[in-house]
């Protein structure tokens, strides 16, 4: 089933017990997404806190007052790349406190450090702005 990106949202997870925040994006209901995050955290705890499975979000989810809040509805988003681009914008806004500063976790990064586009270039239709020659109509003489 194709994903409906018109339902997408940017959210923040925070706790009053820390200055750290987590910025995320989803097309699901926020309560569902938060439940997934908590489930992953509980699974990590049950597995003995394995380092390779650690997510910086767990630094926030360890507190019982951790909560999720809507930052923005992004109904004009068309695809996953567009949603991830918006997510990066919000991570940059919260860059001083966001635990998910590592943008490489995202499947899309529009630019690498040298400023050049990453990956295969997109096909962009450039409008042809050359003047269009319109045929000149010559008046037709009519005799009555």
N, C-alpha and C. Protein backbone atom coordinates (compact mmCIF):
# COMPACT_ATOMS: atom_id res chain seq x y z
N UNK A 1 0.84 -1.18 0.00
CA UNK A 1 0.00 0.00 0.00
C UNK A 1 0.89 1.24 0.00
N UNK A 2 0.68 2.17 -0.91
CA UNK A 2 1.53 3.36 -0.97
C UNK A 2 1.30 4.26 0.25
N UNK A 3 2.37 4.94 0.64
CA UNK A 3 2.32 5.82 1.80
C UNK A 3 1.68 7.14 1.40
N UNK A 4 0.78 7.62 2.24
CA UNK A 4 0.12 8.90 2.00
C UNK A 4 0.89 9.98 2.76
N UNK A 5 1.77 10.68 2.05
CA UNK A 5 2.61 11.68 2.70
C UNK A 5 1.85 12.96 3.05
N UNK A 6 0.62 13.09 2.61
CA UNK A 6 -0.15 14.27 3.00
C UNK A 6 -0.54 14.21 4.48
N UNK A 7 -0.35 13.05 5.11
CA UNK A 7 -0.62 12.90 6.55
C UNK A 7 0.64 13.09 7.39
N UNK A 8 1.74 13.51 6.79
CA UNK A 8 3.00 13.54 7.51
C UNK A 8 3.07 14.66 8.55
N UNK A 9 3.89 14.39 9.57
CA UNK A 9 4.04 15.32 10.69
C UNK A 9 5.50 15.33 11.14
N UNK A 10 5.93 16.45 11.67
CA UNK A 10 7.22 16.56 12.34
C UNK A 10 6.90 16.65 13.83
N UNK A 11 7.61 15.85 14.64
CA UNK A 11 7.30 15.82 16.07
C UNK A 11 8.57 15.95 16.90
N UNK A 12 8.37 16.21 18.18
CA UNK A 12 9.47 16.32 19.14
C UNK A 12 9.14 15.42 20.32
N UNK A 13 10.17 14.74 20.83
CA UNK A 13 10.03 13.96 22.06
C UNK A 13 10.95 14.62 23.08
N UNK A 14 10.38 14.91 24.26
CA UNK A 14 11.15 15.58 25.30
C UNK A 14 10.71 15.10 26.67
N UNK A 15 11.52 15.46 27.66
CA UNK A 15 11.24 15.18 29.06
C UNK A 15 11.65 16.40 29.86
N UNK A 16 10.95 16.65 30.94
CA UNK A 16 11.29 17.77 31.82
C UNK A 16 12.58 17.51 32.59
N UNK A 17 13.05 16.26 32.58
CA UNK A 17 14.22 15.90 33.37
C UNK A 17 15.54 16.03 32.59
N UNK A 18 15.46 16.46 31.34
CA UNK A 18 16.65 16.65 30.52
C UNK A 18 16.41 17.75 29.49
N UNK A 19 17.49 18.38 29.07
CA UNK A 19 17.38 19.39 28.01
C UNK A 19 17.37 18.76 26.62
N UNK A 20 17.69 17.47 26.54
CA UNK A 20 17.77 16.79 25.26
C UNK A 20 16.38 16.63 24.65
N UNK A 21 16.34 16.70 23.32
CA UNK A 21 15.09 16.46 22.59
C UNK A 21 15.39 15.56 21.40
N UNK A 22 14.37 14.92 20.89
CA UNK A 22 14.47 14.11 19.69
C UNK A 22 13.46 14.65 18.69
N UNK A 23 13.90 14.89 17.47
CA UNK A 23 13.02 15.38 16.42
C UNK A 23 12.79 14.25 15.43
N UNK A 24 11.54 13.99 15.10
CA UNK A 24 11.23 12.91 14.18
C UNK A 24 10.15 13.31 13.20
N UNK A 25 9.92 12.42 12.24
CA UNK A 25 8.88 12.63 11.23
C UNK A 25 8.14 11.31 11.04
N UNK A 26 6.86 11.41 10.78
CA UNK A 26 6.05 10.21 10.59
C UNK A 26 4.82 10.53 9.76
N UNK A 27 4.23 9.48 9.20
CA UNK A 27 2.93 9.61 8.54
C UNK A 27 1.86 8.94 9.41
N UNK A 28 2.30 8.34 10.51
CA UNK A 28 1.39 7.66 11.43
C UNK A 28 0.82 8.65 12.44
N UNK A 29 -0.14 8.17 13.22
CA UNK A 29 -0.62 8.97 14.35
C UNK A 29 0.50 9.07 15.37
N UNK A 30 0.59 10.19 16.06
CA UNK A 30 1.70 10.40 17.00
C UNK A 30 1.70 9.37 18.12
N UNK A 31 0.54 8.99 18.59
CA UNK A 31 0.49 8.00 19.67
C UNK A 31 1.05 6.65 19.21
N UNK A 32 0.80 6.29 17.94
CA UNK A 32 1.35 5.05 17.40
C UNK A 32 2.87 5.12 17.31
N UNK A 33 3.36 6.24 16.80
CA UNK A 33 4.81 6.40 16.63
C UNK A 33 5.52 6.40 17.98
N UNK A 34 4.93 7.08 18.97
CA UNK A 34 5.53 7.11 20.31
C UNK A 34 5.54 5.71 20.91
N UNK A 35 4.48 4.98 20.70
CA UNK A 35 4.40 3.61 21.19
C UNK A 35 5.50 2.74 20.56
N UNK A 36 5.78 2.95 19.28
CA UNK A 36 6.87 2.21 18.63
C UNK A 36 8.22 2.55 19.26
N UNK A 37 8.46 3.83 19.49
CA UNK A 37 9.72 4.24 20.11
C UNK A 37 9.87 3.60 21.50
N UNK A 38 8.81 3.64 22.30
CA UNK A 38 8.85 3.06 23.64
C UNK A 38 9.06 1.55 23.59
N UNK A 39 8.42 0.90 22.63
CA UNK A 39 8.58 -0.54 22.46
C UNK A 39 10.03 -0.89 22.11
N UNK A 40 10.64 -0.11 21.22
CA UNK A 40 12.05 -0.33 20.86
C UNK A 40 12.96 -0.14 22.08
N UNK A 41 12.65 0.87 22.89
CA UNK A 41 13.44 1.14 24.09
C UNK A 41 13.32 -0.04 25.07
N UNK A 42 12.11 -0.54 25.28
CA UNK A 42 11.90 -1.65 26.20
C UNK A 42 12.58 -2.92 25.69
N UNK A 43 12.57 -3.13 24.38
CA UNK A 43 13.25 -4.28 23.79
C UNK A 43 14.76 -4.17 24.01
N UNK A 44 15.29 -2.95 23.87
CA UNK A 44 16.72 -2.71 24.11
C UNK A 44 17.08 -3.01 25.56
N UNK A 45 16.22 -2.58 26.48
CA UNK A 45 16.46 -2.89 27.90
C UNK A 45 16.44 -4.39 28.15
N UNK A 46 15.48 -5.08 27.55
CA UNK A 46 15.34 -6.52 27.74
C UNK A 46 16.52 -7.30 27.14
N UNK A 47 17.14 -6.74 26.11
CA UNK A 47 18.29 -7.39 25.47
C UNK A 47 19.60 -7.09 26.17
N UNK A 48 19.55 -6.45 27.32
CA UNK A 48 20.75 -6.18 28.08
C UNK A 48 21.51 -4.94 27.65
N UNK A 49 20.79 -3.98 27.10
CA UNK A 49 21.38 -2.69 26.71
C UNK A 49 22.60 -2.86 25.79
N UNK A 50 22.44 -3.64 24.74
CA UNK A 50 23.53 -3.86 23.80
C UNK A 50 23.90 -2.56 23.11
N UNK A 51 25.16 -2.27 23.10
CA UNK A 51 25.66 -0.99 22.59
C UNK A 51 25.32 -0.78 21.11
N UNK A 52 25.39 -1.83 20.30
CA UNK A 52 25.12 -1.67 18.87
C UNK A 52 23.65 -1.36 18.58
N UNK A 53 22.78 -1.57 19.55
CA UNK A 53 21.36 -1.28 19.36
C UNK A 53 20.94 0.03 20.04
N UNK A 54 21.89 0.74 20.62
CA UNK A 54 21.56 1.98 21.34
C UNK A 54 21.11 3.06 20.36
N UNK A 55 20.08 3.76 20.75
CA UNK A 55 19.57 4.91 20.00
C UNK A 55 19.64 6.11 20.94
N UNK A 56 20.17 7.25 20.47
CA UNK A 56 20.25 8.42 21.36
C UNK A 56 18.91 8.84 21.95
N UNK A 57 17.82 8.45 21.31
CA UNK A 57 16.49 8.74 21.84
C UNK A 57 16.30 8.12 23.22
N UNK A 58 17.00 7.02 23.49
CA UNK A 58 16.84 6.33 24.77
C UNK A 58 17.27 7.20 25.94
N UNK A 59 18.14 8.19 25.68
CA UNK A 59 18.53 9.12 26.74
C UNK A 59 17.33 9.95 27.23
N UNK A 60 16.31 10.03 26.41
CA UNK A 60 15.09 10.76 26.79
C UNK A 60 14.01 9.79 27.27
N UNK A 61 13.87 8.65 26.59
CA UNK A 61 12.83 7.69 26.93
C UNK A 61 13.04 7.03 28.29
N UNK A 62 14.23 7.15 28.86
CA UNK A 62 14.47 6.57 30.18
C UNK A 62 13.64 7.25 31.26
N UNK A 63 13.16 8.45 31.00
CA UNK A 63 12.38 9.18 31.98
C UNK A 63 10.89 8.92 31.78
N UNK A 64 10.18 8.75 32.88
CA UNK A 64 8.75 8.39 32.82
C UNK A 64 7.88 9.52 32.27
N UNK A 65 8.39 10.75 32.30
CA UNK A 65 7.57 11.86 31.79
C UNK A 65 7.86 12.19 30.33
N UNK A 66 8.60 11.33 29.63
CA UNK A 66 8.87 11.55 28.21
C UNK A 66 7.54 11.60 27.46
N UNK A 67 7.43 12.57 26.56
CA UNK A 67 6.18 12.75 25.81
C UNK A 67 6.48 13.19 24.39
N UNK A 68 5.52 13.00 23.54
CA UNK A 68 5.64 13.38 22.14
C UNK A 68 4.70 14.57 21.89
N UNK A 69 5.16 15.51 21.06
CA UNK A 69 4.35 16.68 20.72
C UNK A 69 4.50 16.97 19.23
N UNK A 70 3.44 17.45 18.66
CA UNK A 70 3.45 17.84 17.26
C UNK A 70 4.18 19.17 17.10
N UNK A 71 5.13 19.22 16.16
CA UNK A 71 5.79 20.48 15.83
C UNK A 71 5.15 21.11 14.59
N UNK A 72 4.87 20.28 13.59
CA UNK A 72 4.30 20.82 12.35
C UNK A 72 3.60 19.73 11.57
N UNK A 73 2.48 20.09 10.97
CA UNK A 73 1.83 19.23 9.99
C UNK A 73 2.43 19.62 8.65
N UNK A 74 2.85 18.64 7.90
CA UNK A 74 3.50 18.92 6.62
C UNK A 74 2.67 18.29 5.50
N UNK A 75 1.48 18.80 5.32
CA UNK A 75 0.54 18.23 4.37
C UNK A 75 0.95 18.41 2.91
N UNK A 76 1.86 19.37 2.66
CA UNK A 76 2.27 19.61 1.28
C UNK A 76 3.45 18.73 0.86
N UNK A 77 3.90 17.83 1.73
CA UNK A 77 5.00 16.92 1.42
C UNK A 77 4.52 15.89 0.40
N UNK A 78 5.37 15.63 -0.59
CA UNK A 78 4.98 14.72 -1.68
C UNK A 78 5.61 13.33 -1.57
N UNK A 79 6.82 13.25 -0.97
CA UNK A 79 7.50 11.96 -0.90
C UNK A 79 8.44 11.91 0.30
N UNK A 80 9.10 10.78 0.47
CA UNK A 80 9.96 10.58 1.64
C UNK A 80 11.15 11.54 1.63
N UNK A 81 11.73 11.79 0.47
CA UNK A 81 12.86 12.73 0.39
C UNK A 81 12.44 14.12 0.87
N UNK A 82 11.26 14.54 0.45
CA UNK A 82 10.75 15.85 0.85
C UNK A 82 10.52 15.90 2.37
N UNK A 83 9.96 14.83 2.92
CA UNK A 83 9.72 14.77 4.36
C UNK A 83 11.04 14.79 5.13
N UNK A 84 12.02 14.02 4.68
CA UNK A 84 13.32 14.01 5.35
C UNK A 84 14.03 15.36 5.24
N UNK A 85 13.83 16.04 4.14
CA UNK A 85 14.40 17.37 4.00
C UNK A 85 13.81 18.32 5.04
N UNK A 86 12.50 18.24 5.24
CA UNK A 86 11.85 19.05 6.28
C UNK A 86 12.35 18.68 7.66
N UNK A 87 12.53 17.37 7.88
CA UNK A 87 13.03 16.90 9.16
C UNK A 87 14.40 17.49 9.46
N UNK A 88 15.26 17.50 8.47
CA UNK A 88 16.60 18.08 8.65
C UNK A 88 16.49 19.55 9.03
N UNK A 89 15.55 20.27 8.42
CA UNK A 89 15.35 21.68 8.77
C UNK A 89 15.03 21.83 10.26
N UNK A 90 14.15 20.98 10.78
CA UNK A 90 13.78 21.06 12.19
C UNK A 90 14.91 20.60 13.11
N UNK A 91 15.67 19.60 12.69
CA UNK A 91 16.82 19.18 13.49
C UNK A 91 17.80 20.34 13.60
N UNK A 92 17.97 21.08 12.51
CA UNK A 92 18.88 22.24 12.54
C UNK A 92 18.37 23.34 13.48
N UNK A 93 17.06 23.50 13.56
CA UNK A 93 16.49 24.49 14.48
C UNK A 93 16.82 24.13 15.93
N UNK A 94 16.74 22.84 16.25
CA UNK A 94 17.00 22.36 17.61
C UNK A 94 18.41 21.78 17.75
N UNK A 95 19.34 22.23 16.92
CA UNK A 95 20.66 21.62 16.86
C UNK A 95 21.41 21.60 18.19
N UNK A 96 21.14 22.55 19.07
CA UNK A 96 21.87 22.60 20.34
C UNK A 96 21.41 21.53 21.32
N UNK A 97 20.18 21.05 21.19
CA UNK A 97 19.67 20.07 22.15
C UNK A 97 19.20 18.76 21.52
N UNK A 98 19.13 18.69 20.20
CA UNK A 98 18.64 17.47 19.54
C UNK A 98 19.66 16.34 19.66
N UNK A 99 19.19 15.17 20.07
CA UNK A 99 20.08 14.01 20.17
C UNK A 99 20.32 13.38 18.81
N UNK A 100 19.44 13.61 17.88
CA UNK A 100 19.60 13.03 16.54
C UNK A 100 20.25 14.03 15.59
N UNK A 101 21.44 14.46 15.95
CA UNK A 101 22.20 15.38 15.11
C UNK A 101 22.82 14.67 13.93
N UNK A 102 22.97 13.36 14.03
CA UNK A 102 23.60 12.59 12.97
C UNK A 102 22.62 12.41 11.82
N UNK A 103 22.75 13.24 10.82
CA UNK A 103 21.82 13.22 9.70
C UNK A 103 22.04 12.02 8.79
N UNK A 104 23.14 11.29 8.97
CA UNK A 104 23.39 10.14 8.11
C UNK A 104 22.40 9.02 8.40
N UNK A 105 21.70 9.09 9.53
CA UNK A 105 20.66 8.10 9.81
C UNK A 105 19.52 8.23 8.85
N UNK A 106 19.33 9.42 8.32
CA UNK A 106 18.26 9.63 7.37
C UNK A 106 18.65 9.02 6.04
N UNK A 107 17.68 8.54 5.32
CA UNK A 107 17.96 7.91 4.05
C UNK A 107 18.23 8.95 2.96
N UNK A 108 18.03 10.20 3.27
CA UNK A 108 18.21 11.26 2.29
C UNK A 108 18.96 12.41 2.93
N UNK A 109 20.01 12.83 2.31
CA UNK A 109 20.73 14.02 2.72
C UNK A 109 20.93 14.84 1.46
N UNK A 110 20.32 16.01 1.36
CA UNK A 110 20.36 16.73 0.10
C UNK A 110 21.75 17.16 -0.34
N UNK A 111 22.62 17.52 0.62
CA UNK A 111 23.95 17.97 0.24
C UNK A 111 24.98 17.39 1.19
N UNK A 112 26.14 17.06 0.66
CA UNK A 112 27.24 16.61 1.49
C UNK A 112 28.11 17.82 1.83
N UNK A 113 29.17 17.61 2.59
CA UNK A 113 29.94 18.74 3.10
C UNK A 113 30.54 19.64 2.02
N UNK A 114 30.80 19.10 0.83
CA UNK A 114 31.38 19.95 -0.21
C UNK A 114 30.33 20.78 -0.95
N UNK A 115 29.07 20.66 -0.55
CA UNK A 115 28.02 21.48 -1.14
C UNK A 115 27.44 20.93 -2.42
N UNK A 116 27.95 19.80 -2.91
CA UNK A 116 27.43 19.23 -4.14
C UNK A 116 26.28 18.29 -3.82
N UNK A 117 25.32 18.17 -4.73
CA UNK A 117 24.20 17.26 -4.48
C UNK A 117 24.69 15.84 -4.30
N UNK A 118 24.01 15.11 -3.42
CA UNK A 118 24.37 13.73 -3.15
C UNK A 118 23.55 12.81 -4.03
N UNK A 119 24.17 11.72 -4.45
CA UNK A 119 23.45 10.72 -5.21
C UNK A 119 23.23 11.11 -6.66
N UNK A 120 22.34 10.40 -7.28
CA UNK A 120 22.04 10.63 -8.69
C UNK A 120 21.26 11.92 -8.84
N UNK A 121 21.65 12.76 -9.79
CA UNK A 121 20.92 14.02 -9.96
C UNK A 121 19.49 13.77 -10.40
N UNK A 122 18.62 14.61 -9.93
CA UNK A 122 17.21 14.50 -10.31
C UNK A 122 17.00 15.09 -11.68
N UNK A 123 16.04 14.54 -12.38
CA UNK A 123 15.69 15.10 -13.67
C UNK A 123 14.76 16.28 -13.43
N UNK A 124 15.14 17.40 -13.94
CA UNK A 124 14.36 18.60 -13.74
C UNK A 124 13.98 19.14 -15.11
N UNK A 125 12.72 19.39 -15.30
CA UNK A 125 12.28 19.99 -16.55
C UNK A 125 12.49 21.49 -16.47
N UNK A 126 13.27 21.98 -17.39
CA UNK A 126 13.53 23.41 -17.44
C UNK A 126 12.64 23.98 -18.54
N UNK A 127 11.85 24.98 -18.19
CA UNK A 127 10.97 25.53 -19.22
C UNK A 127 11.78 26.22 -20.32
N UNK A 128 11.30 26.07 -21.51
CA UNK A 128 11.94 26.71 -22.66
C UNK A 128 11.46 28.15 -22.72
N UNK A 129 12.35 29.06 -22.39
CA UNK A 129 11.97 30.48 -22.35
C UNK A 129 12.32 31.22 -23.63
N UNK A 130 12.66 30.48 -24.67
CA UNK A 130 12.98 31.17 -25.92
C UNK A 130 11.70 31.75 -26.51
N UNK A 131 11.83 32.89 -27.18
CA UNK A 131 10.63 33.52 -27.74
C UNK A 131 9.98 32.63 -28.79
N UNK A 132 8.70 32.63 -28.74
CA UNK A 132 7.94 31.83 -29.71
C UNK A 132 7.56 32.75 -30.86
N UNK A 133 7.89 32.28 -32.06
CA UNK A 133 7.53 33.08 -33.23
C UNK A 133 6.08 32.76 -33.59
N UNK A 134 5.30 33.79 -33.57
CA UNK A 134 3.90 33.61 -33.95
C UNK A 134 3.75 34.02 -35.40
N UNK A 135 3.06 33.24 -36.17
CA UNK A 135 2.88 33.61 -37.58
C UNK A 135 2.08 34.90 -37.70
N UNK A 136 2.52 35.73 -38.60
CA UNK A 136 1.85 37.00 -38.84
C UNK A 136 0.75 36.76 -39.86
N UNK A 137 -0.42 37.14 -39.44
CA UNK A 137 -1.56 36.93 -40.35
C UNK A 137 -1.69 38.14 -41.25
N UNK A 138 -1.83 37.89 -42.49
CA UNK A 138 -2.04 38.99 -43.43
C UNK A 138 -3.53 39.16 -43.64
N UNK A 139 -3.95 40.40 -43.63
CA UNK A 139 -5.39 40.62 -43.80
C UNK A 139 -5.85 40.16 -45.19
N UNK A 140 -6.99 39.61 -45.20
CA UNK A 140 -7.56 39.16 -46.46
C UNK A 140 -8.56 40.22 -46.93
N UNK A 141 -8.39 40.62 -48.22
CA UNK A 141 -9.32 41.62 -48.76
C UNK A 141 -10.59 40.92 -49.20
N UNK A 142 -11.62 41.54 -48.85
CA UNK A 142 -12.90 41.01 -49.28
C UNK A 142 -13.58 42.03 -50.16
N UNK A 143 -14.20 41.59 -51.18
CA UNK A 143 -14.94 42.50 -52.06
C UNK A 143 -16.41 42.24 -51.90
N UNK A 144 -17.10 43.32 -51.92
CA UNK A 144 -18.53 43.16 -51.73
C UNK A 144 -19.30 43.31 -53.01
